[in-house]
């Protein structure tokens, strides 16, 4: 008795001639369909327009020559001018405000980040008595509103003869920036392996040497975020600056902008032009730190 083997392709051949069905494309995991991709791009486009519209509108209003042009924005298009910028640069204390803002903001950034970095590193690496309570005390200081803090801070600065001084305002801003930055950097230092500290000790480095020569270079993204937060906090703050700075030439930008609005007059076209000029230093600072900004914001979220 003999047996015959039927080829595997026999059923296909018996089905008759015809085009073979194309293989169905299998979507890989994480791959989105065309509709989902278009929807996400549409949402991102709308969100970008919403974010950029106030900036574009401010620039547009700054080109209007009259203080009441904001009431009739359609008329600005036919009479755009840069006279507002020329007036702000030539006939106001713009450069004094710029100097004061940079001194206070950069001073707050340098002092605040240094104090926050050493605090965060000490809590992350050292187990001294009360190290946990220290971080919670820093967090509690953020719970008090500015209106409650102005009076005691003014009394302290007055006793130290630091009212109407850059140093006094820097110290006040550091009291706000240091607690948040210390928590931020503590979480970032937790992601740096302890073996690096041990390697530094083996090489004969002191704790300060290990911190400055090994840890800080690795913590540049976290330092960039802390520096950016400190700079923006000091650059745009109004309540403390308007209370503790008494001289017109020592006003920061945030306080100087208020001089365009009085009880009987509002020069909004000049305020808009000044606001556009104010955004330039902040944009330049953001450009310098933007490479490490995203990495620093996400790195401290997980401990590895």
C-alpha atoms as a PDB file:
ATOM      1  CA  UNK A   1       0.000   0.000   0.000  1.00  0.00           C
ATOM      2  CA  UNK A   2       1.347   3.423  -0.939  1.00  0.00           C
ATOM      3  CA  UNK A   3       0.585   6.810   0.465  1.00  0.00           C
ATOM      4  CA  UNK A   4       0.668  10.176  -1.252  1.00  0.00           C
ATOM      5  CA  UNK A   5       1.494  13.465   0.354  1.00  0.00           C
ATOM      6  CA  UNK A   6      -0.616  16.469  -0.624  1.00  0.00           C
ATOM      7  CA  UNK A   7       1.444  19.673  -0.922  1.00  0.00           C
ATOM      8  CA  UNK A   8       0.587  22.479   1.462  1.00  0.00           C
ATOM      9  CA  UNK A   9      -0.176  24.781  -1.450  1.00  0.00           C
ATOM     10  CA  UNK A  10      -2.841  22.468  -2.869  1.00  0.00           C
ATOM     11  CA  UNK A  11      -5.823  24.221  -1.241  1.00  0.00           C
ATOM     12  CA  UNK A  12      -4.605  27.549  -2.557  1.00  0.00           C
ATOM     13  CA  UNK A  13      -4.178  26.137  -6.064  1.00  0.00           C
ATOM     14  CA  UNK A  14      -7.646  24.572  -6.005  1.00  0.00           C
ATOM     15  CA  UNK A  15      -9.161  27.922  -5.086  1.00  0.00           C
ATOM     16  CA  UNK A  16      -8.526  29.115  -8.601  1.00  0.00           C
ATOM     17  CA  UNK A  17      -6.482  31.943 -10.059  1.00  0.00           C
ATOM     18  CA  UNK A  18      -6.743  35.420  -8.576  1.00  0.00           C
ATOM     19  CA  UNK A  19      -4.724  38.139  -6.829  1.00  0.00           C
ATOM     20  CA  UNK A  20      -3.304  37.194  -3.464  1.00  0.00           C
ATOM     21  CA  UNK A  21      -4.583  39.223  -0.523  1.00  0.00           C
ATOM     22  CA  UNK A  22      -1.943  41.649   0.783  1.00  0.00           C
ATOM     23  CA  UNK A  23      -0.678  40.884   4.276  1.00  0.00           C
ATOM     24  CA  UNK A  24      -2.404  42.906   6.950  1.00  0.00           C
ATOM     25  CA  UNK A  25      -0.124  45.434   8.583  1.00  0.00           C
ATOM     26  CA  UNK A  26       0.222  44.824  12.270  1.00  0.00           C
ATOM     27  CA  UNK A  27       0.524  48.037  14.288  1.00  0.00           C
ATOM     28  CA  UNK A  28       3.435  47.946  16.658  1.00  0.00           C
ATOM     29  CA  UNK A  29       2.959  48.707  20.309  1.00  0.00           C
ATOM     30  CA  UNK A  30       2.903  52.439  20.961  1.00  0.00           C
ATOM     31  CA  UNK A  31       2.268  53.327  17.308  1.00  0.00           C
ATOM     32  CA  UNK A  32      -0.671  55.668  16.810  1.00  0.00           C
ATOM     33  CA  UNK A  33      -3.133  55.681  13.976  1.00  0.00           C
ATOM     34  CA  UNK A  34      -3.536  58.492  11.497  1.00  0.00           C
ATOM     35  CA  UNK A  35      -6.623  59.900  13.230  1.00  0.00           C
ATOM     36  CA  UNK A  36      -4.960  59.895  16.653  1.00  0.00           C
ATOM     37  CA  UNK A  37      -1.837  61.557  15.241  1.00  0.00           C
ATOM     38  CA  UNK A  38      -3.880  64.296  13.553  1.00  0.00           C
ATOM     39  CA  UNK A  39      -5.878  64.861  16.731  1.00  0.00           C
ATOM     40  CA  UNK A  40      -2.750  65.177  18.896  1.00  0.00           C
ATOM     41  CA  UNK A  41      -1.110  67.572  16.415  1.00  0.00           C
ATOM     42  CA  UNK A  42      -4.304  69.623  16.316  1.00  0.00           C
ATOM     43  CA  UNK A  43      -4.419  69.882  20.108  1.00  0.00           C
ATOM     44  CA  UNK A  44      -0.737  70.859  20.254  1.00  0.00           C
ATOM     45  CA  UNK A  45      -1.259  73.493  17.564  1.00  0.00           C
ATOM     46  CA  UNK A  46      -4.190  75.034  19.434  1.00  0.00           C
ATOM     47  CA  UNK A  47      -2.247  74.978  22.705  1.00  0.00           C
ATOM     48  CA  UNK A  48       0.719  76.696  21.018  1.00  0.00           C
ATOM     49  CA  UNK A  49      -1.536  79.406  19.588  1.00  0.00           C
ATOM     50  CA  UNK A  50      -3.147  79.963  22.987  1.00  0.00           C
ATOM     51  CA  UNK A  51       0.304  80.314  24.594  1.00  0.00           C
ATOM     52  CA  UNK A  52       1.698  82.629  21.906  1.00  0.00           C
ATOM     53  CA  UNK A  53      -1.359  84.851  21.460  1.00  0.00           C
ATOM     54  CA  UNK A  54      -0.832  87.014  24.600  1.00  0.00           C
ATOM     55  CA  UNK A  55       2.790  87.645  23.608  1.00  0.00           C
ATOM     56  CA  UNK A  56       1.866  88.543  20.027  1.00  0.00           C
ATOM     57  CA  UNK A  57      -0.972  90.749  21.267  1.00  0.00           C
ATOM     58  CA  UNK A  58       1.367  92.584  23.656  1.00  0.00           C
ATOM     59  CA  UNK A  59       3.854  93.238  20.843  1.00  0.00           C
ATOM     60  CA  UNK A  60       1.010  94.465  18.638  1.00  0.00           C
ATOM     61  CA  UNK A  61      -0.293  96.874  21.275  1.00  0.00           C
ATOM     62  CA  UNK A  62       3.222  98.199  21.893  1.00  0.00           C
ATOM     63  CA  UNK A  63       3.302  99.498  18.313  1.00  0.00           C
ATOM     64  CA  UNK A  64       0.304 101.786  18.812  1.00  0.00           C
ATOM     65  CA  UNK A  65       1.282 105.459  19.200  1.00  0.00           C
ATOM     66  CA  UNK A  66      -1.643 106.492  21.443  1.00  0.00           C
ATOM     67  CA  UNK A  67      -2.381 105.399  24.989  1.00  0.00           C
ATOM     68  CA  UNK A  68      -5.989 104.544  24.107  1.00  0.00           C
ATOM     69  CA  UNK A  69      -5.185 102.373  21.104  1.00  0.00           C
ATOM     70  CA  UNK A  70      -5.874  99.257  23.134  1.00  0.00           C
ATOM     71  CA  UNK A  71      -9.571 100.247  23.002  1.00  0.00           C
ATOM     72  CA  UNK A  72      -9.479 100.235  19.181  1.00  0.00           C
ATOM     73  CA  UNK A  73      -6.814  97.677  18.235  1.00  0.00           C
ATOM     74  CA  UNK A  74      -7.896  97.608  14.600  1.00  0.00           C
ATOM     75  CA  UNK A  75      -6.574 101.137  14.096  1.00  0.00           C
ATOM     76  CA  UNK A  76      -3.035 100.233  15.134  1.00  0.00           C
ATOM     77  CA  UNK A  77      -2.291  98.371  11.906  1.00  0.00           C
ATOM     78  CA  UNK A  78      -2.357 101.533   9.781  1.00  0.00           C
ATOM     79  CA  UNK A  79      -0.164 103.628  12.117  1.00  0.00           C
ATOM     80  CA  UNK A  80       2.400 101.240  13.589  1.00  0.00           C
ATOM     81  CA  UNK A  81       5.488 102.911  14.990  1.00  0.00           C
ATOM     82  CA  UNK A  82       8.489 102.194  17.217  1.00  0.00           C
ATOM     83  CA  UNK A  83       8.240 105.562  18.970  1.00  0.00           C
ATOM     84  CA  UNK A  84       7.097 103.901  22.187  1.00  0.00           C
ATOM     85  CA  UNK A  85      10.342 101.932  22.408  1.00  0.00           C
ATOM     86  CA  UNK A  86      12.396 105.063  21.715  1.00  0.00           C
ATOM     87  CA  UNK A  87      10.544 106.985  24.423  1.00  0.00           C
ATOM     88  CA  UNK A  88      10.989 104.216  26.999  1.00  0.00           C
ATOM     89  CA  UNK A  89      14.716 103.916  26.305  1.00  0.00           C
ATOM     90  CA  UNK A  90      15.404 107.655  26.245  1.00  0.00           C
ATOM     91  CA  UNK A  91      12.974 109.283  28.675  1.00  0.00           C
ATOM     92  CA  UNK A  92      12.434 106.777  31.473  1.00  0.00           C
ATOM     93  CA  UNK A  93      14.617 105.039  34.056  1.00  0.00           C
ATOM     94  CA  UNK A  94      14.627 101.880  31.950  1.00  0.00           C
ATOM     95  CA  UNK A  95      18.366 101.214  32.242  1.00  0.00           C
ATOM     96  CA  UNK A  96      18.301 101.858  36.004  1.00  0.00           C
ATOM     97  CA  UNK A  97      15.481  99.327  36.264  1.00  0.00           C
ATOM     98  CA  UNK A  98      17.491  96.921  34.130  1.00  0.00           C
ATOM     99  CA  UNK A  99      20.542  97.288  36.356  1.00  0.00           C
ATOM    100  CA  UNK A 100      18.506  96.801  39.527  1.00  0.00           C
ATOM    101  CA  UNK A 101      16.666  93.784  38.127  1.00  0.00           C
ATOM    102  CA  UNK A 102      19.863  92.087  37.007  1.00  0.00           C
ATOM    103  CA  UNK A 103      21.674  92.755  40.287  1.00  0.00           C
ATOM    104  CA  UNK A 104      18.801  91.429  42.372  1.00  0.00           C
ATOM    105  CA  UNK A 105      17.950  88.495  40.096  1.00  0.00           C
ATOM    106  CA  UNK A 106      21.508  87.298  39.550  1.00  0.00           C
ATOM    107  CA  UNK A 107      22.353  87.829  43.215  1.00  0.00           C
ATOM    108  CA  UNK A 108      19.327  85.789  44.251  1.00  0.00           C
ATOM    109  CA  UNK A 109      20.253  83.090  41.736  1.00  0.00           C
ATOM    110  CA  UNK A 110      23.866  82.757  42.893  1.00  0.00           C
ATOM    111  CA  UNK A 111      23.241  82.958  46.643  1.00  0.00           C
ATOM    112  CA  UNK A 112      20.003  80.982  46.578  1.00  0.00           C
ATOM    113  CA  UNK A 113      21.342  78.129  44.456  1.00  0.00           C
ATOM    114  CA  UNK A 114      24.526  77.842  46.532  1.00  0.00           C
ATOM    115  CA  UNK A 115      22.598  77.655  49.821  1.00  0.00           C
ATOM    116  CA  UNK A 116      19.985  75.313  48.369  1.00  0.00           C
ATOM    117  CA  UNK A 117      22.616  73.025  46.818  1.00  0.00           C
ATOM    118  CA  UNK A 118      24.595  72.623  50.030  1.00  0.00           C
ATOM    119  CA  UNK A 119      21.382  72.096  52.007  1.00  0.00           C
ATOM    120  CA  UNK A 120      20.001  69.532  49.585  1.00  0.00           C
ATOM    121  CA  UNK A 121      23.318  67.663  49.418  1.00  0.00           C
ATOM    122  CA  UNK A 122      23.683  67.555  53.199  1.00  0.00           C
ATOM    123  CA  UNK A 123      20.177  66.149  53.664  1.00  0.00           C
ATOM    124  CA  UNK A 124      20.653  63.677  50.807  1.00  0.00           C
ATOM    125  CA  UNK A 125      24.001  62.282  51.984  1.00  0.00           C
ATOM    126  CA  UNK A 126      24.343  62.945  55.705  1.00  0.00           C
ATOM    127  CA  UNK A 127      22.220  61.591  58.539  1.00  0.00           C
ATOM    128  CA  UNK A 128      22.548  64.239  61.231  1.00  0.00           C
ATOM    129  CA  UNK A 129      19.956  64.708  63.998  1.00  0.00           C
ATOM    130  CA  UNK A 130      16.850  66.432  62.676  1.00  0.00           C
ATOM    131  CA  UNK A 131      17.728  66.208  58.982  1.00  0.00           C
ATOM    132  CA  UNK A 132      14.174  65.181  58.099  1.00  0.00           C
ATOM    133  CA  UNK A 133      12.646  67.936  60.224  1.00  0.00           C
ATOM    134  CA  UNK A 134      14.893  70.483  58.511  1.00  0.00           C
ATOM    135  CA  UNK A 135      13.302  69.803  55.126  1.00  0.00           C
ATOM    136  CA  UNK A 136       9.818  69.980  56.583  1.00  0.00           C
ATOM    137  CA  UNK A 137      10.629  73.293  58.248  1.00  0.00           C
ATOM    138  CA  UNK A 138      11.728  74.633  54.880  1.00  0.00           C
ATOM    139  CA  UNK A 139       8.458  73.456  53.404  1.00  0.00           C
ATOM    140  CA  UNK A 140       6.404  75.102  56.161  1.00  0.00           C
ATOM    141  CA  UNK A 141       7.994  78.476  55.389  1.00  0.00           C
ATOM    142  CA  UNK A 142       6.276  78.385  51.986  1.00  0.00           C
ATOM    143  CA  UNK A 143       2.826  78.235  53.584  1.00  0.00           C
ATOM    144  CA  UNK A 144       2.715  81.856  54.754  1.00  0.00           C
ATOM    145  CA  UNK A 145       1.289  84.476  52.346  1.00  0.00           C
ATOM    146  CA  UNK A 146       3.380  87.458  51.338  1.00  0.00           C
ATOM    147  CA  UNK A 147       1.044  89.910  53.075  1.00  0.00           C
ATOM    148  CA  UNK A 148       1.828  88.278  56.418  1.00  0.00           C
ATOM    149  CA  UNK A 149       5.590  88.319  55.847  1.00  0.00           C
ATOM    150  CA  UNK A 150       6.026  91.903  54.642  1.00  0.00           C
ATOM    151  CA  UNK A 151       5.720  93.614  58.045  1.00  0.00           C
ATOM    152  CA  UNK A 152       8.154  91.398  60.034  1.00  0.00           C
ATOM    153  CA  UNK A 153      10.615  91.340  57.132  1.00  0.00           C
ATOM    154  CA  UNK A 154      10.500  95.125  56.888  1.00  0.00           C
ATOM    155  CA  UNK A 155      11.202  95.374  60.621  1.00  0.00           C
ATOM    156  CA  UNK A 156      14.150  92.991  60.332  1.00  0.00           C
ATOM    157  CA  UNK A 157      15.627  94.839  57.337  1.00  0.00           C
ATOM    158  CA  UNK A 158      15.118  98.158  59.100  1.00  0.00           C
ATOM    159  CA  UNK A 159      17.018  96.942  62.167  1.00  0.00           C
ATOM    160  CA  UNK A 160      19.822  95.714  59.893  1.00  0.00           C
ATOM    161  CA  UNK A 161      19.754  98.983  57.894  1.00  0.00           C
ATOM    162  CA  UNK A 162      19.119  97.036  54.684  1.00  0.00           C
ATOM    163  CA  UNK A 163      15.937  98.817  53.574  1.00  0.00           C
ATOM    164  CA  UNK A 164      16.343 100.293  50.075  1.00  0.00           C
ATOM    165  CA  UNK A 165      19.401  98.137  49.401  1.00  0.00           C
ATOM    166  CA  UNK A 166      20.043  95.386  46.881  1.00  0.00           C
ATOM    167  CA  UNK A 167      21.444  93.055  49.527  1.00  0.00           C
ATOM    168  CA  UNK A 168      18.298  93.287  51.629  1.00  0.00           C
ATOM    169  CA  UNK A 169      16.058  92.449  48.672  1.00  0.00           C
ATOM    170  CA  UNK A 170      18.328  89.555  47.658  1.00  0.00           C
ATOM    171  CA  UNK A 171      18.092  88.077  51.164  1.00  0.00           C
ATOM    172  CA  UNK A 172      14.307  88.433  51.111  1.00  0.00           C
ATOM    173  CA  UNK A 173      14.061  86.655  47.759  1.00  0.00           C
ATOM    174  CA  UNK A 174      16.397  83.908  48.950  1.00  0.00           C
ATOM    175  CA  UNK A 175      13.996  83.182  51.793  1.00  0.00           C
ATOM    176  CA  UNK A 176      11.468  82.276  49.094  1.00  0.00           C
ATOM    177  CA  UNK A 177      13.735  80.559  46.582  1.00  0.00           C
ATOM    178  CA  UNK A 178      15.923  78.462  48.896  1.00  0.00           C
ATOM    179  CA  UNK A 179      13.211  76.171  50.381  1.00  0.00           C
ATOM    180  CA  UNK A 180      11.834  75.113  46.994  1.00  0.00           C
ATOM    181  CA  UNK A 181      15.280  74.767  45.396  1.00  0.00           C
ATOM    182  CA  UNK A 182      16.547  72.739  48.358  1.00  0.00           C
ATOM    183  CA  UNK A 183      13.727  70.226  47.920  1.00  0.00           C
ATOM    184  CA  UNK A 184      14.343  70.140  44.176  1.00  0.00           C
ATOM    185  CA  UNK A 185      18.086  69.577  44.463  1.00  0.00           C
ATOM    186  CA  UNK A 186      17.713  67.078  47.289  1.00  0.00           C
ATOM    187  CA  UNK A 187      15.626  64.905  44.975  1.00  0.00           C
ATOM    188  CA  UNK A 188      18.199  65.320  42.224  1.00  0.00           C
ATOM    189  CA  UNK A 189      21.148  64.448  44.483  1.00  0.00           C
ATOM    190  CA  UNK A 190      19.295  61.266  45.482  1.00  0.00           C
ATOM    191  CA  UNK A 191      19.602  60.093  41.863  1.00  0.00           C
ATOM    192  CA  UNK A 192      23.423  60.360  41.930  1.00  0.00           C
ATOM    193  CA  UNK A 193      24.990  57.072  43.134  1.00  0.00           C
ATOM    194  CA  UNK A 194      26.675  57.038  46.542  1.00  0.00           C
ATOM    195  CA  UNK A 195      29.635  55.244  44.951  1.00  0.00           C
ATOM    196  CA  UNK A 196      30.794  58.572  43.529  1.00  0.00           C
ATOM    197  CA  UNK A 197      31.120  60.020  47.032  1.00  0.00           C
ATOM    198  CA  UNK A 198      32.991  56.927  48.159  1.00  0.00           C
ATOM    199  CA  UNK A 199      35.347  57.174  45.188  1.00  0.00           C
ATOM    200  CA  UNK A 200      36.068  60.776  46.136  1.00  0.00           C
ATOM    201  CA  UNK A 201      36.932  59.787  49.692  1.00  0.00           C
ATOM    202  CA  UNK A 202      39.223  57.030  48.424  1.00  0.00           C
ATOM    203  CA  UNK A 203      41.042  59.628  46.317  1.00  0.00           C
ATOM    204  CA  UNK A 204      41.537  61.764  49.406  1.00  0.00           C
ATOM    205  CA  UNK A 205      38.897  64.424  48.782  1.00  0.00           C
ATOM    206  CA  UNK A 206      37.161  66.116  51.675  1.00  0.00           C
ATOM    207  CA  UNK A 207      33.341  66.244  51.762  1.00  0.00           C
ATOM    208  CA  UNK A 208      33.485  69.766  50.332  1.00  0.00           C
ATOM    209  CA  UNK A 209      35.938  68.661  47.654  1.00  0.00           C
ATOM    210  CA  UNK A 210      33.709  65.745  46.713  1.00  0.00           C
ATOM    211  CA  UNK A 211      30.709  68.053  46.525  1.00  0.00           C
ATOM    212  CA  UNK A 212      32.330  70.774  44.413  1.00  0.00           C
ATOM    213  CA  UNK A 213      34.515  68.601  42.161  1.00  0.00           C
ATOM    214  CA  UNK A 214      32.376  65.501  41.618  1.00  0.00           C
ATOM    215  CA  UNK A 215      28.746  66.075  42.546  1.00  0.00           C
ATOM    216  CA  UNK A 216      28.074  69.592  41.233  1.00  0.00           C
ATOM    217  CA  UNK A 217      29.280  68.824  37.666  1.00  0.00           C
ATOM    218  CA  UNK A 218      26.853  65.887  37.580  1.00  0.00           C
ATOM    219  CA  UNK A 219      24.032  68.034  38.962  1.00  0.00           C
ATOM    220  CA  UNK A 220      24.128  70.712  36.279  1.00  0.00           C
ATOM    221  CA  UNK A 221      20.581  69.994  35.001  1.00  0.00           C
ATOM    222  CA  UNK A 222      19.166  70.304  38.511  1.00  0.00           C
ATOM    223  CA  UNK A 223      21.186  73.445  39.153  1.00  0.00           C
ATOM    224  CA  UNK A 224      19.881  74.914  35.890  1.00  0.00           C
ATOM    225  CA  UNK A 225      16.281  74.408  37.004  1.00  0.00           C
ATOM    226  CA  UNK A 226      16.973  75.865  40.452  1.00  0.00           C
ATOM    227  CA  UNK A 227      18.768  78.833  38.905  1.00  0.00           C
ATOM    228  CA  UNK A 228      15.964  79.456  36.435  1.00  0.00           C
ATOM    229  CA  UNK A 229      13.336  79.342  39.188  1.00  0.00           C
ATOM    230  CA  UNK A 230      15.336  81.715  41.403  1.00  0.00           C
ATOM    231  CA  UNK A 231      15.949  84.137  38.545  1.00  0.00           C
ATOM    232  CA  UNK A 232      12.314  84.253  37.431  1.00  0.00           C
ATOM    233  CA  UNK A 233      11.063  84.575  41.003  1.00  0.00           C
ATOM    234  CA  UNK A 234      13.276  87.580  41.698  1.00  0.00           C
ATOM    235  CA  UNK A 235      12.824  89.148  38.260  1.00  0.00           C
ATOM    236  CA  UNK A 236       9.039  89.274  38.315  1.00  0.00           C
ATOM    237  CA  UNK A 237       8.256  89.816  42.011  1.00  0.00           C
ATOM    238  CA  UNK A 238       6.351  93.006  42.858  1.00  0.00           C
ATOM    239  CA  UNK A 239       5.174  93.105  46.490  1.00  0.00           C
ATOM    240  CA  UNK A 240       8.554  92.880  48.260  1.00  0.00           C
ATOM    241  CA  UNK A 241      10.328  95.084  45.716  1.00  0.00           C
ATOM    242  CA  UNK A 242       7.740  97.876  45.894  1.00  0.00           C
ATOM    243  CA  UNK A 243       7.849  97.810  49.712  1.00  0.00           C
ATOM    244  CA  UNK A 244      11.576  97.534  50.412  1.00  0.00           C
ATOM    245  CA  UNK A 245      12.979  99.639  47.535  1.00  0.00           C
ATOM    246  CA  UNK A 246      12.282 103.349  48.065  1.00  0.00           C
ATOM    247  CA  UNK A 247      14.451 105.035  45.411  1.00  0.00           C
ATOM    248  CA  UNK A 248      13.180 105.396  41.852  1.00  0.00           C
ATOM    249  CA  UNK A 249      16.568 104.412  40.466  1.00  0.00           C
ATOM    250  CA  UNK A 250      16.545 101.172  42.462  1.00  0.00           C
ATOM    251  CA  UNK A 251      13.186  99.954  41.235  1.00  0.00           C
ATOM    252  CA  UNK A 252      13.124  96.626  39.470  1.00  0.00           C
ATOM    253  CA  UNK A 253      11.276  96.170  36.196  1.00  0.00           C
ATOM    254  CA  UNK A 254       8.178  94.818  37.916  1.00  0.00           C
ATOM    255  CA  UNK A 255       7.915  97.960  40.041  1.00  0.00           C
ATOM    256  CA  UNK A 256       8.953 100.318  37.253  1.00  0.00           C
ATOM    257  CA  UNK A 257       6.052  99.133  35.114  1.00  0.00           C
ATOM    258  CA  UNK A 258       3.662 100.455  37.736  1.00  0.00           C
ATOM    259  CA  UNK A 259       4.891 103.997  37.135  1.00  0.00           C
ATOM    260  CA  UNK A 260       3.011 104.077  33.831  1.00  0.00           C
ATOM    261  CA  UNK A 261      -0.310 103.664  35.648  1.00  0.00           C
ATOM    262  CA  UNK A 262      -1.526 106.384  37.996  1.00  0.00           C
ATOM    263  CA  UNK A 263      -4.854 107.358  39.497  1.00  0.00           C
ATOM    264  CA  UNK A 264      -5.733 109.701  36.638  1.00  0.00           C
ATOM    265  CA  UNK A 265      -3.698 108.387  33.724  1.00  0.00           C
ATOM    266  CA  UNK A 266      -2.751 105.070  32.149  1.00  0.00           C
ATOM    267  CA  UNK A 267      -0.028 104.976  29.500  1.00  0.00           C
ATOM    268  CA  UNK A 268      -0.659 101.430  28.404  1.00  0.00           C
ATOM    269  CA  UNK A 269       1.200 101.800  25.101  1.00  0.00           C
ATOM    270  CA  UNK A 270       4.407 102.635  26.985  1.00  0.00           C
ATOM    271  CA  UNK A 271       3.766  99.841  29.463  1.00  0.00           C
ATOM    272  CA  UNK A 272       3.371  97.368  26.606  1.00  0.00           C
ATOM    273  CA  UNK A 273       6.626  98.510  24.993  1.00  0.00           C
ATOM    274  CA  UNK A 274       8.463  98.243  28.309  1.00  0.00           C
ATOM    275  CA  UNK A 275       7.035  94.777  28.911  1.00  0.00           C
ATOM    276  CA  UNK A 276       8.374  93.618  25.543  1.00  0.00           C
ATOM    277  CA  UNK A 277      11.818  94.979  26.398  1.00  0.00           C
ATOM    278  CA  UNK A 278      11.645  93.355  29.829  1.00  0.00           C
ATOM    279  CA  UNK A 279      11.079  89.952  28.217  1.00  0.00           C
ATOM    280  CA  UNK A 280      14.420  90.107  26.385  1.00  0.00           C
ATOM    281  CA  UNK A 281      16.717  89.405  29.410  1.00  0.00           C
ATOM    282  CA  UNK A 282      14.427  86.608  30.597  1.00  0.00           C
ATOM    283  CA  UNK A 283      14.410  85.033  27.136  1.00  0.00           C
ATOM    284  CA  UNK A 284      18.205  85.245  26.965  1.00  0.00           C
ATOM    285  CA  UNK A 285      18.546  83.593  30.380  1.00  0.00           C
ATOM    286  CA  UNK A 286      16.112  80.870  29.376  1.00  0.00           C
ATOM    287  CA  UNK A 287      18.116  80.236  26.203  1.00  0.00           C
ATOM    288  CA  UNK A 288      21.272  79.723  28.253  1.00  0.00           C
ATOM    289  CA  UNK A 289      19.715  77.120  30.545  1.00  0.00           C
ATOM    290  CA  UNK A 290      17.191  75.464  28.228  1.00  0.00           C
ATOM    291  CA  UNK A 291      19.525  72.585  27.331  1.00  0.00           C
ATOM    292  CA  UNK A 292      19.497  71.318  30.904  1.00  0.00           C
ATOM    293  CA  UNK A 293      16.043  72.563  31.887  1.00  0.00           C
ATOM    294  CA  UNK A 294      13.930  69.588  30.774  1.00  0.00           C
ATOM    295  CA  UNK A 295      16.437  67.037  32.048  1.00  0.00           C
ATOM    296  CA  UNK A 296      16.585  68.730  35.411  1.00  0.00           C
ATOM    297  CA  UNK A 297      12.803  68.891  35.737  1.00  0.00           C
ATOM    298  CA  UNK A 298      12.393  65.148  35.140  1.00  0.00           C
ATOM    299  CA  UNK A 299      15.556  63.678  36.683  1.00  0.00           C
ATOM    300  CA  UNK A 300      14.609  64.290  40.293  1.00  0.00           C
ATOM    301  CA  UNK A 301      11.290  62.508  39.947  1.00  0.00           C
ATOM    302  CA  UNK A 302      12.760  59.000  40.240  1.00  0.00           C
ATOM    303  CA  UNK A 303      15.484  57.618  42.429  1.00  0.00           C
ATOM    304  CA  UNK A 304      17.975  55.439  40.616  1.00  0.00           C
END
